[in-house]
Amino acid sequence: MSTKAVFYHAGCPVCVDAERTVAEGLDRDRFNVEIVHLGDQAGRIAEAESSGVKSVPALVIDGQAFHINHGADLSALKG
């Protein structure tokens, strides 16, 4: 059984680099990875926030948020 992992990003250069390095690098046999572009899916910002995401890019694994570098605060994405 694989572990759920959600990679949240906003499409900025920092986020795209993190997606290539981190999200795409996860072992797909161990992790069921979903990539969520919050710029395109603004309706999921509250979900990210409730998962502990403060800024993007971030990876949430089993409900624990891991912040990677710093592309944008979630507050900036709320518009």
C-alpha atoms as a PDB file:
ATOM      1  CA  MET A   1       0.000   0.000   0.000  1.00  0.00           C
ATOM      2  CA  SER A   2       1.344   3.434  -0.908  1.00  0.00           C
ATOM      3  CA  THR A   3       1.362   6.543   1.244  1.00  0.00           C
ATOM      4  CA  LYS A   4      -0.576   9.620   0.095  1.00  0.00           C
ATOM      5  CA  ALA A   5       1.602  12.633  -0.721  1.00  0.00           C
ATOM      6  CA  VAL A   6       0.325  15.972  -2.014  1.00  0.00           C
ATOM      7  CA  PHE A   7       2.720  18.488  -3.551  1.00  0.00           C
ATOM      8  CA  TYR A   8       1.284  22.020  -3.499  1.00  0.00           C
ATOM      9  CA  HIS A   9       2.802  24.744  -5.649  1.00  0.00           C
ATOM     10  CA  ALA A  10       1.953  27.978  -7.455  1.00  0.00           C
ATOM     11  CA  GLY A  11       3.856  27.574 -10.695  1.00  0.00           C
ATOM     12  CA  CYS A  12       6.695  29.948  -9.817  1.00  0.00           C
ATOM     13  CA  PRO A  13      10.284  28.999 -10.804  1.00  0.00           C
ATOM     14  CA  VAL A  14      11.094  27.853  -7.248  1.00  0.00           C
ATOM     15  CA  CYS A  15       7.980  25.650  -7.261  1.00  0.00           C
ATOM     16  CA  VAL A  16       8.710  24.159 -10.672  1.00  0.00           C
ATOM     17  CA  ASP A  17      12.282  23.296  -9.629  1.00  0.00           C
ATOM     18  CA  ALA A  18      11.000  21.706  -6.417  1.00  0.00           C
ATOM     19  CA  GLU A  19       8.413  19.702  -8.367  1.00  0.00           C
ATOM     20  CA  ARG A  20      11.116  18.316 -10.651  1.00  0.00           C
ATOM     21  CA  THR A  21      13.493  17.557  -7.801  1.00  0.00           C
ATOM     22  CA  VAL A  22      11.198  16.477  -4.974  1.00  0.00           C
ATOM     23  CA  ALA A  23       7.740  15.442  -6.187  1.00  0.00           C
ATOM     24  CA  GLU A  24       8.898  13.653  -9.313  1.00  0.00           C
ATOM     25  CA  GLY A  25      11.744  12.042  -7.377  1.00  0.00           C
ATOM     26  CA  LEU A  26       9.505  10.228  -4.888  1.00  0.00           C
ATOM     27  CA  ASP A  27       9.328   6.462  -5.189  1.00  0.00           C
ATOM     28  CA  ARG A  28       5.928   5.842  -6.828  1.00  0.00           C
ATOM     29  CA  ASP A  29       5.829   2.359  -5.307  1.00  0.00           C
ATOM     30  CA  ARG A  30       5.886   3.939  -1.843  1.00  0.00           C
ATOM     31  CA  PHE A  31       4.004   7.189  -2.493  1.00  0.00           C
ATOM     32  CA  ASN A  32       0.780   8.037  -4.289  1.00  0.00           C
ATOM     33  CA  VAL A  33       1.721  11.581  -5.353  1.00  0.00           C
ATOM     34  CA  GLU A  34      -0.813  14.231  -6.312  1.00  0.00           C
ATOM     35  CA  ILE A  35       0.478  17.534  -7.678  1.00  0.00           C
ATOM     36  CA  VAL A  36      -1.761  20.530  -7.004  1.00  0.00           C
ATOM     37  CA  HIS A  37      -1.120  23.850  -8.770  1.00  0.00           C
ATOM     38  CA  LEU A  38      -2.851  26.338  -6.468  1.00  0.00           C
ATOM     39  CA  GLY A  39      -2.697  29.042  -9.136  1.00  0.00           C
ATOM     40  CA  ASP A  40      -4.974  26.880 -11.281  1.00  0.00           C
ATOM     41  CA  GLN A  41      -6.886  25.259  -8.406  1.00  0.00           C
ATOM     42  CA  ALA A  42      -7.483  28.151  -5.997  1.00  0.00           C
ATOM     43  CA  GLY A  43     -10.397  26.248  -4.500  1.00  0.00           C
ATOM     44  CA  ARG A  44      -7.872  23.952  -2.830  1.00  0.00           C
ATOM     45  CA  ILE A  45      -6.023  26.690  -0.921  1.00  0.00           C
ATOM     46  CA  ALA A  46      -8.150  26.055   2.199  1.00  0.00           C
ATOM     47  CA  GLU A  47      -7.297  22.340   1.957  1.00  0.00           C
ATOM     48  CA  ALA A  48      -3.589  23.155   1.807  1.00  0.00           C
ATOM     49  CA  GLU A  49      -3.942  25.548   4.732  1.00  0.00           C
ATOM     50  CA  SER A  50      -5.768  22.976   6.843  1.00  0.00           C
ATOM     51  CA  SER A  51      -2.937  20.536   6.103  1.00  0.00           C
ATOM     52  CA  GLY A  52      -0.454  22.962   7.672  1.00  0.00           C
ATOM     53  CA  VAL A  53       0.891  24.520   4.477  1.00  0.00           C
ATOM     54  CA  LYS A  54       2.038  28.111   5.063  1.00  0.00           C
ATOM     55  CA  SER A  55       3.939  28.665   1.825  1.00  0.00           C
ATOM     56  CA  VAL A  56       4.602  26.883  -1.431  1.00  0.00           C
ATOM     57  CA  PRO A  57       6.208  24.731  -2.582  1.00  0.00           C
ATOM     58  CA  ALA A  58       5.219  22.261   0.108  1.00  0.00           C
ATOM     59  CA  LEU A  59       4.807  18.528   0.315  1.00  0.00           C
ATOM     60  CA  VAL A  60       2.222  16.974   2.634  1.00  0.00           C
ATOM     61  CA  ILE A  61       2.797  13.339   3.541  1.00  0.00           C
ATOM     62  CA  ASP A  62       0.376  11.579   5.876  1.00  0.00           C
ATOM     63  CA  GLY A  63      -0.966  14.929   7.054  1.00  0.00           C
ATOM     64  CA  GLN A  64       2.448  16.419   7.850  1.00  0.00           C
ATOM     65  CA  ALA A  65       3.533  19.493   5.877  1.00  0.00           C
ATOM     66  CA  PHE A  66       7.128  19.840   4.693  1.00  0.00           C
ATOM     67  CA  HIS A  67       8.019  23.277   3.349  1.00  0.00           C
ATOM     68  CA  ILE A  68      10.563  23.348   0.540  1.00  0.00           C
ATOM     69  CA  ASN A  69      12.458  26.567  -0.101  1.00  0.00           C
ATOM     70  CA  HIS A  70      10.086  29.553  -0.398  1.00  0.00           C
ATOM     71  CA  GLY A  71       8.161  30.524  -3.503  1.00  0.00           C
ATOM     72  CA  ALA A  72       5.060  32.278  -2.157  1.00  0.00           C
ATOM     73  CA  ASP A  73       3.025  32.576   1.036  1.00  0.00           C
ATOM     74  CA  LEU A  74      -0.458  31.069   0.847  1.00  0.00           C
ATOM     75  CA  SER A  75      -1.861  34.487   1.790  1.00  0.00           C
ATOM     76  CA  ALA A  76      -0.475  35.868  -1.494  1.00  0.00           C
ATOM     77  CA  LEU A  77      -2.394  33.218  -3.440  1.00  0.00           C
ATOM     78  CA  LYS A  78      -5.728  34.123  -1.883  1.00  0.00           C
ATOM     79  CA  GLY A  79      -5.805  37.193  -4.061  1.00  0.00           C
END
